[in-house]
Protein backbone atom coordinates (compact mmCIF):
# COMPACT_ATOMS: atom_id res chain seq x y z
CA MET A 1 64.75 -12.83 -9.65
CA ILE A 2 61.54 -15.06 -10.16
CA LYS A 3 62.56 -16.22 -14.16
CA ARG A 4 60.52 -19.61 -13.99
CA ALA A 5 57.30 -21.51 -12.12
CA VAL A 6 55.32 -24.31 -12.77
CA ILE A 7 51.88 -23.86 -12.34
CA SER A 8 48.96 -27.13 -12.19
CA VAL A 9 46.38 -25.84 -10.08
CA SER A 10 42.52 -27.53 -9.73
CA ASP A 11 40.81 -24.45 -7.72
CA LYS A 12 41.29 -22.28 -10.07
CA THR A 13 40.73 -18.85 -8.34
CA GLY A 14 42.42 -16.28 -8.70
CA LEU A 15 44.58 -17.49 -11.65
CA VAL A 16 44.82 -15.01 -14.35
CA GLU A 17 45.56 -12.30 -11.98
CA LEU A 18 48.65 -14.69 -11.28
CA GLY A 19 48.65 -15.32 -14.75
CA LYS A 20 49.21 -11.51 -16.35
CA ALA A 21 51.83 -10.21 -12.96
CA PHE A 22 53.83 -13.29 -13.99
CA LYS A 23 53.40 -11.73 -18.16
CA HIS A 24 53.99 -8.47 -16.81
CA PHE A 25 57.05 -9.83 -14.40
CA GLN A 26 58.26 -11.64 -18.16
CA VAL A 27 58.31 -15.26 -15.99
CA GLU A 28 57.92 -17.87 -17.41
CA ILE A 29 55.33 -21.06 -16.76
CA LEU A 30 55.13 -24.44 -17.04
CA SER A 31 51.78 -25.66 -17.14
CA THR A 32 49.47 -28.43 -17.69
CA GLY A 33 46.07 -28.83 -18.72
CA GLY A 34 43.10 -26.79 -18.26
CA THR A 35 45.20 -24.89 -16.35
CA ALA A 36 47.03 -24.16 -19.21
CA LYS A 37 43.93 -23.86 -21.62
CA LEU A 38 42.44 -21.14 -18.70
CA LEU A 39 46.27 -18.61 -18.72
CA SER A 40 45.70 -19.18 -22.78
CA ASP A 41 42.83 -18.41 -23.16
CA ALA A 42 43.29 -15.13 -21.42
CA THR A 43 46.68 -13.95 -23.35
CA ILE A 44 48.94 -15.34 -20.61
CA PRO A 45 51.76 -17.27 -22.56
CA THR A 46 52.46 -21.08 -21.31
CA VAL A 47 54.79 -23.66 -21.85
CA SER A 48 53.13 -27.10 -21.31
CA VAL A 49 54.79 -29.31 -19.71
CA SER A 50 55.18 -32.12 -22.10
CA ASP A 51 56.72 -29.79 -24.66
CA TYR A 52 59.59 -28.84 -21.63
CA THR A 53 60.05 -32.38 -20.46
CA GLY A 54 59.22 -34.10 -24.01
CA PHE A 55 57.52 -36.58 -22.57
CA PRO A 56 53.16 -37.00 -22.96
CA GLU A 57 50.99 -36.25 -20.24
CA MET A 58 49.40 -40.03 -20.51
CA MET A 59 46.89 -42.99 -18.45
CA GLU A 60 44.09 -40.19 -18.75
CA GLY A 61 46.01 -37.39 -16.78
CA ARG A 62 47.53 -39.21 -14.37
CA LEU A 63 50.83 -38.82 -15.41
CA LYS A 64 52.20 -35.47 -16.37
CA THR A 65 55.07 -33.61 -13.92
CA LEU A 66 56.73 -36.97 -12.41
CA HIS A 67 59.80 -36.28 -14.96
CA PRO A 68 63.18 -35.05 -14.03
CA LYS A 69 63.01 -32.41 -15.79
CA ILE A 70 60.85 -31.06 -13.29
CA TYR A 71 62.34 -32.60 -10.41
CA GLY A 72 65.62 -31.95 -10.47
CA ALA A 73 64.15 -28.59 -11.43
CA LEU A 74 63.04 -28.10 -8.26
CA LEU A 75 65.28 -30.59 -6.17
CA GLY A 76 68.36 -29.64 -7.40
CA ARG A 77 70.83 -27.05 -4.35
CA ARG A 78 71.79 -24.56 -7.37
CA ALA A 79 74.87 -23.57 -5.13
CA ASP A 80 75.99 -27.01 -5.87
CA ALA A 81 78.45 -27.69 -8.55
CA ILE A 82 77.73 -30.53 -9.07
CA HIS A 83 74.06 -30.52 -9.13
CA SER A 84 74.63 -27.42 -10.78
CA LYS A 85 76.83 -29.15 -13.59
CA GLU A 86 73.66 -32.44 -13.49
CA ALA A 87 71.09 -30.22 -14.67
CA LYS A 88 73.13 -28.40 -17.33
CA ASP A 89 73.79 -31.49 -18.70
CA TYR A 90 69.87 -32.82 -18.55
CA GLY A 91 68.49 -30.04 -19.45
CA ILE A 92 66.73 -29.45 -16.80
CA LYS A 93 65.65 -25.01 -15.83
CA TRP A 94 65.54 -24.53 -12.43
CA ILE A 95 62.25 -24.38 -11.61
CA ASP A 96 62.04 -20.98 -8.73
CA LEU A 97 58.76 -20.98 -7.90
CA VAL A 98 55.75 -23.29 -7.76
CA VAL A 99 51.55 -22.84 -7.62
CA VAL A 100 49.62 -25.76 -6.73
CA ASN A 101 46.89 -27.04 -5.79
CA LEU A 102 45.46 -30.77 -5.13
CA TYR A 103 42.13 -32.93 -6.35
CA PRO A 104 39.63 -31.91 -4.87
CA PHE A 105 40.00 -35.34 -2.13
CA GLN A 106 37.58 -33.73 1.00
CA LYS A 107 34.52 -32.34 -1.78
CA VAL A 108 34.28 -35.19 -3.18
CA ALA A 109 33.70 -37.62 0.02
CA SER A 110 32.07 -35.15 1.51
CA ALA A 111 28.84 -34.83 -0.69
CA THR A 112 25.80 -35.17 -0.01
CA LYS A 113 25.81 -37.64 -2.85
CA ARG A 114 27.72 -40.71 -1.40
CA PRO A 115 31.32 -40.59 -3.88
CA THR A 116 32.15 -44.61 -5.23
CA TRP A 117 34.85 -46.28 -4.67
CA ARG A 118 35.92 -45.28 -7.96
CA GLU A 119 35.72 -41.51 -7.67
CA LEU A 120 37.46 -41.71 -4.95
CA ILE A 121 40.12 -42.88 -5.85
CA GLU A 122 40.77 -40.94 -8.97
CA ASN A 123 40.28 -37.55 -6.42
CA ILE A 124 43.75 -38.66 -4.65
CA ASP A 125 46.38 -36.06 -6.16
CA ILE A 126 49.73 -37.52 -7.08
CA GLY A 127 52.19 -34.98 -9.38
CA GLY A 128 50.69 -31.71 -7.07
CA VAL A 129 51.21 -33.88 -3.75
CA THR A 130 55.18 -35.13 -4.93
CA MET A 131 55.46 -31.06 -6.47
CA ILE A 132 54.44 -29.42 -3.62
CA ARG A 133 56.52 -31.26 -1.62
CA ALA A 134 59.61 -31.46 -3.85
CA ALA A 135 59.76 -27.33 -3.44
CA ALA A 136 59.11 -27.60 0.27
CA LYS A 137 62.50 -29.35 1.50
CA ASN A 138 63.29 -26.82 -1.29
CA HIS A 139 62.33 -23.86 -0.16
CA GLU A 140 66.23 -22.83 -0.01
CA TYR A 141 65.47 -21.89 -3.33
CA VAL A 142 61.67 -23.10 -4.23
CA THR A 143 58.82 -20.84 -3.45
CA VAL A 144 55.31 -22.25 -3.06
CA VAL A 145 52.16 -21.13 -2.97
CA THR A 146 48.80 -23.88 -2.26
CA ASP A 147 45.76 -21.10 -1.79
CA PRO A 148 44.64 -18.95 -4.62
CA LYS A 149 44.40 -16.44 -0.66
CA ASP A 150 47.80 -15.74 -0.98
CA TYR A 151 48.68 -15.44 -4.21
CA PRO A 152 47.91 -11.42 -4.00
CA LEU A 153 50.19 -11.01 -1.50
CA ILE A 154 52.82 -13.00 -4.50
CA ILE A 155 52.10 -10.44 -6.82
CA GLN A 156 52.58 -7.69 -4.17
CA LYS A 157 56.03 -8.62 -3.03
CA MET A 158 56.42 -8.76 -7.29
CA LYS A 159 55.57 -5.42 -7.53
CA GLU A 160 57.70 -4.00 -4.74
CA ASN A 161 60.93 -6.04 -5.46
CA PRO A 162 61.20 -7.57 -8.97
CA GLU A 163 64.40 -9.21 -8.06
CA ASN A 164 64.08 -10.60 -4.88
CA PRO A 165 61.01 -10.94 -3.88
CA PHE A 166 61.05 -13.97 -2.04
CA ASP A 167 63.43 -13.92 1.55
CA ASP A 168 64.35 -16.77 3.07
CA GLU A 169 62.17 -15.98 6.11
CA PHE A 170 58.71 -15.97 3.33
CA ARG A 171 60.26 -19.26 1.48
CA TYR A 172 60.45 -21.22 5.43
CA ASN A 173 56.93 -19.79 6.11
CA MET A 174 56.01 -20.81 2.62
CA ALA A 175 56.96 -24.50 2.55
CA VAL A 176 55.80 -25.14 6.42
CA ARG A 177 52.50 -24.30 5.37
CA ALA A 178 52.90 -26.54 2.54
CA PHE A 179 54.05 -29.18 4.28
CA ARG A 180 50.55 -28.83 6.19
CA HIS A 181 48.20 -28.64 2.96
CA THR A 182 49.68 -31.42 2.07
CA ALA A 183 49.81 -33.48 5.32
CA ILE A 184 46.13 -33.17 5.37
CA TYR A 185 45.29 -34.44 2.43
CA ASP A 186 46.94 -37.13 3.04
CA SER A 187 45.45 -37.78 6.32
CA MET A 188 42.33 -37.04 5.21
CA ILE A 189 42.82 -39.61 2.25
CA SER A 190 43.51 -42.11 5.05
CA GLN A 191 40.71 -41.18 7.17
CA THR A 192 38.39 -41.32 4.61
CA LEU A 193 39.64 -44.40 2.95
CA SER A 194 39.58 -46.00 6.31
CA GLN A 195 36.51 -44.93 7.19
CA TYR A 196 34.95 -47.96 4.15
CA ASP A 197 35.23 -51.86 4.38
CA TRP A 198 35.17 -54.87 1.20
CA ALA A 199 32.31 -56.84 2.27
CA GLY A 200 30.81 -59.28 -0.22
CA GLY A 201 32.33 -57.58 -2.97
CA GLU A 202 31.20 -53.81 -1.76
CA PHE A 203 32.07 -50.61 -0.56
CA LYS A 204 30.56 -50.08 2.77
CA ARG A 205 31.09 -47.30 4.99
CA LYS A 206 31.46 -47.98 8.51
CA THR A 207 30.48 -45.39 11.11
CA PHE A 208 34.26 -44.20 12.78
CA PRO A 209 37.37 -44.78 10.26
CA LEU A 210 40.02 -46.89 11.56
CA TYR A 211 41.94 -43.69 11.22
CA HIS A 212 40.55 -40.08 12.49
CA SER A 213 42.95 -36.80 12.86
CA VAL A 214 41.87 -34.11 14.22
CA HIS A 215 44.19 -30.51 12.90
CA GLY A 216 44.49 -27.02 14.46
CA LYS A 217 46.04 -24.55 13.48
CA LEU A 218 47.39 -21.89 16.31
CA SER A 219 44.62 -18.82 16.28
CA GLN A 220 45.93 -17.43 19.70
CA GLU A 221 47.97 -17.78 23.34
CA LEU A 222 45.17 -16.94 25.13
CA ARG A 223 46.26 -15.44 28.80
CA TYR A 224 45.83 -17.67 30.68
CA GLY A 225 43.69 -22.03 31.20
CA GLU A 226 41.04 -22.76 33.51
CA ASN A 227 43.53 -20.98 36.41
CA PRO A 228 45.82 -18.35 35.41
CA HIS A 229 48.88 -20.31 36.63
CA GLN A 230 48.24 -22.80 33.59
CA LYS A 231 49.37 -21.26 30.36
CA ALA A 232 45.87 -21.91 27.08
CA ALA A 233 46.14 -20.97 23.44
CA LEU A 234 43.08 -21.37 20.55
CA TYR A 235 43.23 -23.61 18.05
CA ARG A 236 41.16 -23.48 14.29
CA LEU A 237 39.71 -26.39 13.27
CA GLN A 238 41.62 -26.31 10.04
CA GLU A 239 40.16 -26.71 5.90
CA PRO A 240 37.46 -28.84 5.24
CA LEU A 241 36.97 -28.89 9.03
CA GLU A 242 37.47 -24.91 9.62
CA LYS A 243 34.00 -23.75 11.49
CA SER A 244 34.00 -22.45 15.13
CA PRO A 245 30.30 -21.01 16.71
CA LEU A 246 32.26 -17.61 17.60
CA SER A 247 32.95 -15.96 14.09
CA GLU A 248 33.71 -11.82 15.30
CA SER A 249 34.65 -10.52 18.70
CA LEU A 250 32.92 -6.79 17.90
CA GLN A 251 34.75 -5.55 21.10
CA GLY A 252 36.45 -6.11 24.36
CA LYS A 253 39.59 -7.18 26.29
CA GLU A 254 40.36 -10.85 25.39
CA LEU A 255 38.28 -14.30 25.53
CA SER A 256 39.96 -16.52 27.60
CA PHE A 257 39.52 -20.17 28.07
CA ASN A 258 36.39 -20.29 30.07
CA ASN A 259 34.65 -17.66 28.29
CA LEU A 260 35.15 -19.78 24.86
CA LEU A 261 34.32 -23.18 26.82
CA ASP A 262 31.07 -21.82 28.48
CA ALA A 263 30.48 -19.03 24.80
CA ASP A 264 30.31 -22.96 23.10
CA ALA A 265 28.25 -24.84 25.59
CA ALA A 266 26.29 -20.79 25.24
CA TRP A 267 25.32 -21.92 21.71
CA ARG A 268 25.17 -25.54 21.39
CA MET A 269 22.13 -25.39 23.47
CA LEU A 270 20.06 -22.70 21.52
CA SER A 271 20.68 -24.67 17.96
CA GLU A 272 18.03 -26.89 20.55
CA LEU A 273 16.07 -24.15 20.78
CA PRO A 274 12.95 -22.35 19.38
CA PRO A 275 13.88 -18.61 17.95
CA ALA A 276 14.93 -15.74 20.46
CA SER A 277 15.58 -17.93 22.98
CA THR A 278 18.38 -17.11 25.48
CA VAL A 279 21.07 -19.19 27.21
CA ILE A 280 22.54 -17.80 30.47
CA VAL A 281 26.14 -19.99 31.15
CA LYS A 282 28.72 -20.27 34.31
CA HIS A 283 30.93 -22.16 34.37
CA ASN A 284 29.95 -24.35 31.15
CA ASN A 285 26.05 -25.08 32.69
CA PRO A 286 22.88 -23.27 32.22
CA CYS A 287 22.32 -21.23 34.61
CA GLY A 288 19.37 -19.62 33.25
CA VAL A 289 17.37 -20.37 29.87
CA GLY A 290 13.68 -18.78 28.31
CA THR A 291 11.96 -18.67 25.54
CA GLY A 292 9.56 -15.48 23.65
CA ALA A 293 7.86 -13.69 20.97
CA LYS A 294 10.71 -11.96 21.47
CA THR A 295 14.20 -11.58 22.09
CA ILE A 296 14.11 -9.73 24.98
CA GLU A 297 11.33 -11.71 27.23
CA SER A 298 13.50 -14.37 26.73
CA TYR A 299 16.55 -12.70 28.67
CA LYS A 300 14.10 -11.24 31.18
CA ARG A 301 13.17 -14.75 31.50
CA ALA A 302 16.31 -16.50 31.23
CA LEU A 303 17.24 -13.83 34.14
CA THR A 304 15.04 -14.41 36.31
CA ALA A 305 15.39 -17.99 36.51
CA ASP A 306 18.80 -17.33 38.77
CA SER A 307 19.75 -13.89 38.33
CA GLU A 308 22.18 -15.07 41.34
CA SER A 309 23.76 -17.30 39.67
CA ALA A 310 24.05 -15.30 35.84
CA PHE A 311 26.45 -12.74 37.95
CA GLY A 312 29.67 -12.62 35.72
CA GLY A 313 28.27 -15.39 33.11
CA ILE A 314 27.79 -15.10 29.72
CA VAL A 315 24.86 -15.05 27.29
CA ALA A 316 23.20 -16.27 24.74
CA ILE A 317 20.73 -15.24 22.26
CA SER A 318 19.56 -16.03 18.88
CA GLY A 319 18.70 -13.11 16.95
CA VAL A 320 19.55 -9.39 17.49
CA VAL A 321 20.01 -7.24 20.08
CA ASP A 322 18.46 -4.31 19.60
CA GLN A 323 18.76 -0.81 21.87
CA ASP A 324 15.76 -2.33 24.04
CA LEU A 325 17.14 -5.15 24.90
CA ALA A 326 21.22 -3.96 25.52
CA GLN A 327 20.08 -1.32 28.04
CA SER A 328 18.14 -4.19 29.52
CA LEU A 329 22.23 -6.47 29.74
CA ILE A 330 23.86 -3.21 30.65
CA GLU A 331 22.94 -3.41 34.21
CA PRO A 332 24.25 -6.66 35.30
CA PHE A 333 27.50 -8.20 35.65
CA PHE A 334 28.13 -10.23 32.45
CA GLU A 335 30.73 -11.29 30.92
CA ILE A 336 30.62 -11.90 27.32
CA ILE A 337 26.87 -11.22 24.91
CA CYS A 338 26.78 -13.35 22.20
CA ALA A 339 24.04 -12.63 19.43
CA GLU A 340 23.71 -13.09 15.71
CA ASN A 341 23.23 -9.48 15.79
CA PHE A 342 23.79 -5.62 17.11
CA THR A 343 21.75 -2.82 16.43
CA VAL A 344 24.21 0.44 16.20
CA GLU A 345 21.93 1.86 19.11
CA ALA A 346 23.15 -1.35 20.83
CA ARG A 347 26.67 -1.08 19.97
CA ASP A 348 26.64 2.25 21.46
CA ILE A 349 24.77 1.42 25.11
CA LEU A 350 26.97 -1.55 25.18
CA GLN A 351 30.78 0.54 24.47
CA LYS A 352 30.10 1.92 27.81
CA LYS A 353 31.26 -1.32 29.57
CA LYS A 354 35.22 -1.99 27.81
CA ASN A 355 35.60 -4.86 29.14
CA LEU A 356 32.38 -6.62 28.11
CA ARG A 357 33.13 -9.06 25.29
CA LEU A 358 30.73 -8.58 21.88
CA ILE A 359 30.54 -11.79 20.14
CA LEU A 360 29.00 -12.64 16.85
CA ILE A 361 27.53 -16.08 17.02
CA PRO A 362 25.93 -17.98 13.38
CA ARG A 363 21.94 -17.95 13.09
CA VAL A 364 20.83 -20.35 14.99
CA GLN A 365 20.05 -23.21 12.10
CA ASP A 366 23.98 -23.08 10.88
CA GLN A 367 24.98 -23.35 14.42
CA LYS A 368 22.22 -27.16 14.71
CA GLU A 369 24.54 -27.55 10.90
CA ILE A 370 27.98 -27.16 12.52
CA TYR A 371 27.68 -29.30 15.22
CA GLN A 372 25.82 -32.18 13.35
CA ALA A 373 28.32 -32.11 11.08
CA SER A 374 30.89 -33.19 13.54
CA LEU A 375 32.01 -35.75 15.67
CA ASP A 376 32.63 -34.59 19.58
CA THR A 377 36.13 -35.54 21.24
CA LYS A 378 36.57 -35.86 24.82
CA LYS A 379 40.57 -35.69 25.50
CA ILE A 380 41.98 -38.56 27.67
CA THR A 381 45.42 -39.31 28.96
CA GLY A 382 47.35 -41.15 26.13
CA GLY A 383 44.28 -40.74 23.44
CA TYR A 384 41.04 -38.43 23.08
CA LEU A 385 37.55 -40.68 23.06
CA VAL A 386 35.62 -40.04 19.84
CA GLN A 387 31.57 -39.96 19.95
CA GLU A 388 28.52 -38.66 17.45
CA PRO A 389 27.00 -35.70 18.79
CA ASP A 390 23.59 -36.27 20.74
CA GLN A 391 21.40 -34.93 18.52
CA PHE A 392 18.68 -36.94 19.83
CA GLY A 393 15.61 -35.30 21.74
CA SER A 394 16.04 -31.73 20.20
CA TYR A 395 13.29 -29.29 21.38
CA ASN A 396 11.17 -29.26 17.72
CA GLU A 397 11.55 -33.17 17.00
CA GLY A 398 8.67 -34.14 18.17
CA VAL A 399 7.38 -34.00 21.80
CA LEU A 400 10.14 -36.04 23.20
CA GLY A 401 10.73 -37.62 21.11
CA PRO A 402 9.78 -40.99 19.26
CA ASP A 403 10.20 -43.38 21.58
CA ALA A 404 8.40 -40.89 24.38
CA GLN A 405 6.13 -43.07 26.92
CA VAL A 406 3.51 -41.43 29.16
CA VAL A 407 3.63 -44.95 31.81
CA THR A 408 1.58 -42.95 35.17
CA GLN A 409 -2.47 -43.20 35.03
CA LYS A 410 -1.93 -38.91 34.78
CA ILE A 411 -1.55 -37.66 31.51
CA PRO A 412 0.32 -34.37 31.52
CA ASN A 413 -1.41 -31.32 30.11
CA GLU A 414 -0.81 -29.05 27.05
CA LYS A 415 0.86 -26.80 28.74
CA GLU A 416 2.72 -29.51 31.29
CA LEU A 417 4.10 -31.09 27.91
CA GLN A 418 5.62 -27.88 26.61
CA ALA A 419 7.64 -26.94 29.59
CA LEU A 420 8.28 -30.90 29.58
CA ARG A 421 9.38 -29.92 25.95
CA LEU A 422 12.70 -27.43 27.32
CA ALA A 423 13.05 -29.18 30.36
CA TRP A 424 14.93 -32.27 28.74
CA VAL A 425 16.96 -29.96 26.22
CA VAL A 426 18.19 -27.66 28.94
CA ALA A 427 18.69 -31.40 30.55
CA LYS A 428 20.46 -32.93 27.99
CA ASN A 429 23.12 -29.91 27.94
CA ALA A 430 23.94 -29.56 31.51
CA LYS A 431 26.23 -31.22 32.96
CA SER A 432 25.34 -35.07 35.08
CA ASN A 433 23.50 -35.96 37.02
CA ALA A 434 21.51 -33.09 36.16
CA ILE A 435 17.68 -32.04 37.34
CA ILE A 436 15.37 -29.21 35.50
CA ILE A 437 12.55 -27.75 36.29
CA ALA A 438 10.76 -25.73 34.19
CA ASP A 439 7.13 -24.14 32.99
CA GLU A 440 6.75 -23.71 29.29
CA HIS A 441 8.70 -20.51 28.47
CA GLN A 442 11.66 -20.87 30.83
CA THR A 443 13.94 -22.65 33.98
CA LEU A 444 12.97 -22.46 37.23
CA GLY A 445 15.67 -23.78 39.16
CA ILE A 446 18.72 -26.38 38.48
CA GLY A 447 20.79 -29.29 39.81
CA CYS A 448 23.91 -30.99 37.68
CA GLY A 449 26.68 -31.62 38.43
CA GLN A 450 26.63 -33.06 41.14
CA VAL A 451 27.34 -37.25 42.27
CA ASN A 452 23.24 -38.05 42.90
CA ARG A 453 20.25 -37.38 41.94
CA LYS A 454 19.11 -36.64 44.92
CA PHE A 455 20.98 -33.95 45.61
CA SER A 456 20.79 -32.66 41.97
CA SER A 457 16.70 -32.20 42.81
CA GLU A 458 17.51 -31.05 46.28
CA SER A 459 19.19 -28.06 44.14
CA ALA A 460 16.75 -27.95 40.98
CA ALA A 461 13.78 -27.71 43.92
CA SER A 462 15.01 -25.13 46.82
CA ARG A 463 15.17 -22.31 43.72
CA ALA A 464 12.43 -23.27 41.84
CA LYS A 465 10.59 -23.29 45.32
CA LEU A 466 10.94 -19.58 44.57
CA SER A 467 9.08 -19.23 42.41
CA LYS A 468 4.60 -18.55 41.29
CA ALA A 469 5.07 -20.10 38.12
CA GLU A 470 1.88 -21.42 37.16
CA THR A 471 3.02 -24.86 35.29
CA LYS A 472 6.44 -26.93 37.17
CA VAL A 473 7.91 -29.62 35.94
CA CYS A 474 11.05 -32.06 35.67
CA ALA A 475 13.15 -33.36 33.73
CA SER A 476 15.62 -36.04 34.65
CA ASP A 477 19.17 -36.60 31.76
CA GLY A 478 19.10 -40.25 33.87
CA PHE A 479 16.91 -42.78 35.32
CA PHE A 480 15.52 -42.27 38.90
CA PRO A 481 17.60 -44.86 40.68
CA PHE A 482 15.11 -44.87 44.03
CA ALA A 483 12.49 -42.85 44.54
CA ASP A 484 13.41 -40.47 47.51
CA SER A 485 13.87 -37.12 45.00
CA LEU A 486 9.55 -37.37 44.00
CA ASP A 487 8.68 -35.93 47.67
CA ILE A 488 11.12 -33.16 47.03
CA LEU A 489 9.99 -32.25 43.69
CA LYS A 490 6.75 -32.75 44.70
CA ASP A 491 7.57 -30.50 47.71
CA ALA A 492 8.45 -27.58 45.30
CA GLY A 493 5.68 -27.51 43.64
CA VAL A 494 6.17 -30.35 39.84
CA THR A 495 3.39 -31.94 38.60
CA ALA A 496 5.47 -33.29 35.76
CA ILE A 497 8.54 -35.22 35.08
CA VAL A 498 10.69 -36.57 31.75
CA GLN A 499 13.49 -39.49 32.69
CA PRO A 500 14.92 -42.04 30.55
CA GLY A 501 14.11 -44.91 31.95
CA GLY A 502 15.91 -47.94 32.64
CA SER A 503 15.53 -48.85 35.79
CA ILE A 504 15.40 -52.12 38.12
CA ARG A 505 13.07 -49.61 39.90
CA ASP A 506 11.00 -48.15 37.44
CA ASN A 507 8.70 -50.08 39.35
CA GLU A 508 8.63 -48.47 42.86
CA VAL A 509 9.72 -44.94 41.00
CA ILE A 510 6.19 -45.16 39.01
CA ALA A 511 3.87 -46.37 42.09
CA ALA A 512 5.00 -43.44 43.04
CA CYS A 513 3.88 -41.03 40.77
CA ASN A 514 0.77 -42.29 40.77
CA LYS A 515 0.75 -42.49 44.68
CA LYS A 516 1.13 -38.89 44.84
CA GLY A 517 -1.10 -37.48 41.58
CA LEU A 518 2.30 -36.89 38.99
CA SER A 519 3.04 -37.24 35.65
CA MET A 520 5.63 -39.40 34.64
CA ILE A 521 7.23 -40.20 31.03
CA PHE A 522 9.87 -42.51 30.36
CA THR A 523 11.95 -41.81 26.75
CA LYS A 524 13.52 -44.76 26.27
CA SER A 525 16.71 -42.52 25.63
CA ARG A 526 19.20 -41.26 28.24
CA HIS A 527 21.64 -37.56 28.25
CA PHE A 528 24.18 -37.99 30.20
CA LEU A 529 27.05 -34.83 29.91
CA HIS A 530 30.26 -35.37 31.18
């Protein structure tokens, strides 16, 4: 039976409902400050921690629960005769349930208005963390709750079995969650404070903290990894970092390791393209990209860009899949279709393919915010690399970036500039070395992941030659080290090229473009993707 609980929460969501349940089951509530006031205002009786300990809150609330009558009540082993005697001798009453959540340090740290050093320090919880750890350590006797989302479950269990609502397994699982809660909290404090330096008596922020933490929770075990002989699992980032481009699976068999990688690559590219765009991804690379006034236009362009490679790929659409689009999507073989929404009519059509996965993704605007707020990480043996996301060079960022400069005698026309913008975004999202040939609305040829730029040019050109598009331009994620690729591109119909520049042979490449009547833009920024 739960006879006594201590409640001290910063997030008061669901608190009154929980307090009413405790009142109904005659649970004595020990509480502090604003928590006690909210409960009392709801006519839920509480005993102040100060009255229980005989020691007042002091130092502006910094000292409230740190007292032997609290921690002895949490840490004592009730079956131990010595512990029980000492508790009785010193007036310690056992606490059966701890409901605590912590000062909102991360919310303050990540606020739009950058916090002061004092604001950060004052939002570091001490007593709450200590109570959680004490209760979790002694979970043989004490149940600990740190998340308001668990309150309904607590209430339900008390209703089902008032005498013994929480068994050993439940208390253990809650303890594990509690330790994780404090571990994430402490690591966020460490990471945030290590991102600041004292310099000349000022609190200055660095780009990279001394400590960087990644917290994931097992979401599901996957069928296998990149290959069937490899085991794999999906971990979701934990709050306050809990974001995912895959918000909901609507139908189809379980997602695989490679499915998730490809879907992630697709939504990253969508976040940089205009609304109603379509991206088809295969093996973590784009094989077709299309734009248009309507999603069905962009899809058809993305598919015709390379329908052969699209077989078995993943389609991602920044918009709604309606009946007409669904009729087109059902014909080829795709593993997954990702979209912002599906109409009822579209769902009826696509359900005919039971193994086809349908995934809801956030709106493109939300995706961009998610991507920009995170750091990219890549695993290496014994550690991992961290970098800022490559935000430079999106479709709507000027023409091709603030430093873009025409370096040839021939200047690109408006249609070529529009096509160059599209090709540049796709090049940024394809594995290096990347060569993308496109018109204003779709990719025409893609060469990526090759060990030299000439091979990539040959791959992209072989596909682009099949297109009768009036406009053909090329984007290269890195500079051209030699002029040998230009003949390949011109032969495919390319008339304008965008590349970072920066090679010791830039002058040779520019001269070759002038000789062949090609226009070329240097962006002075490259987009390698490994």
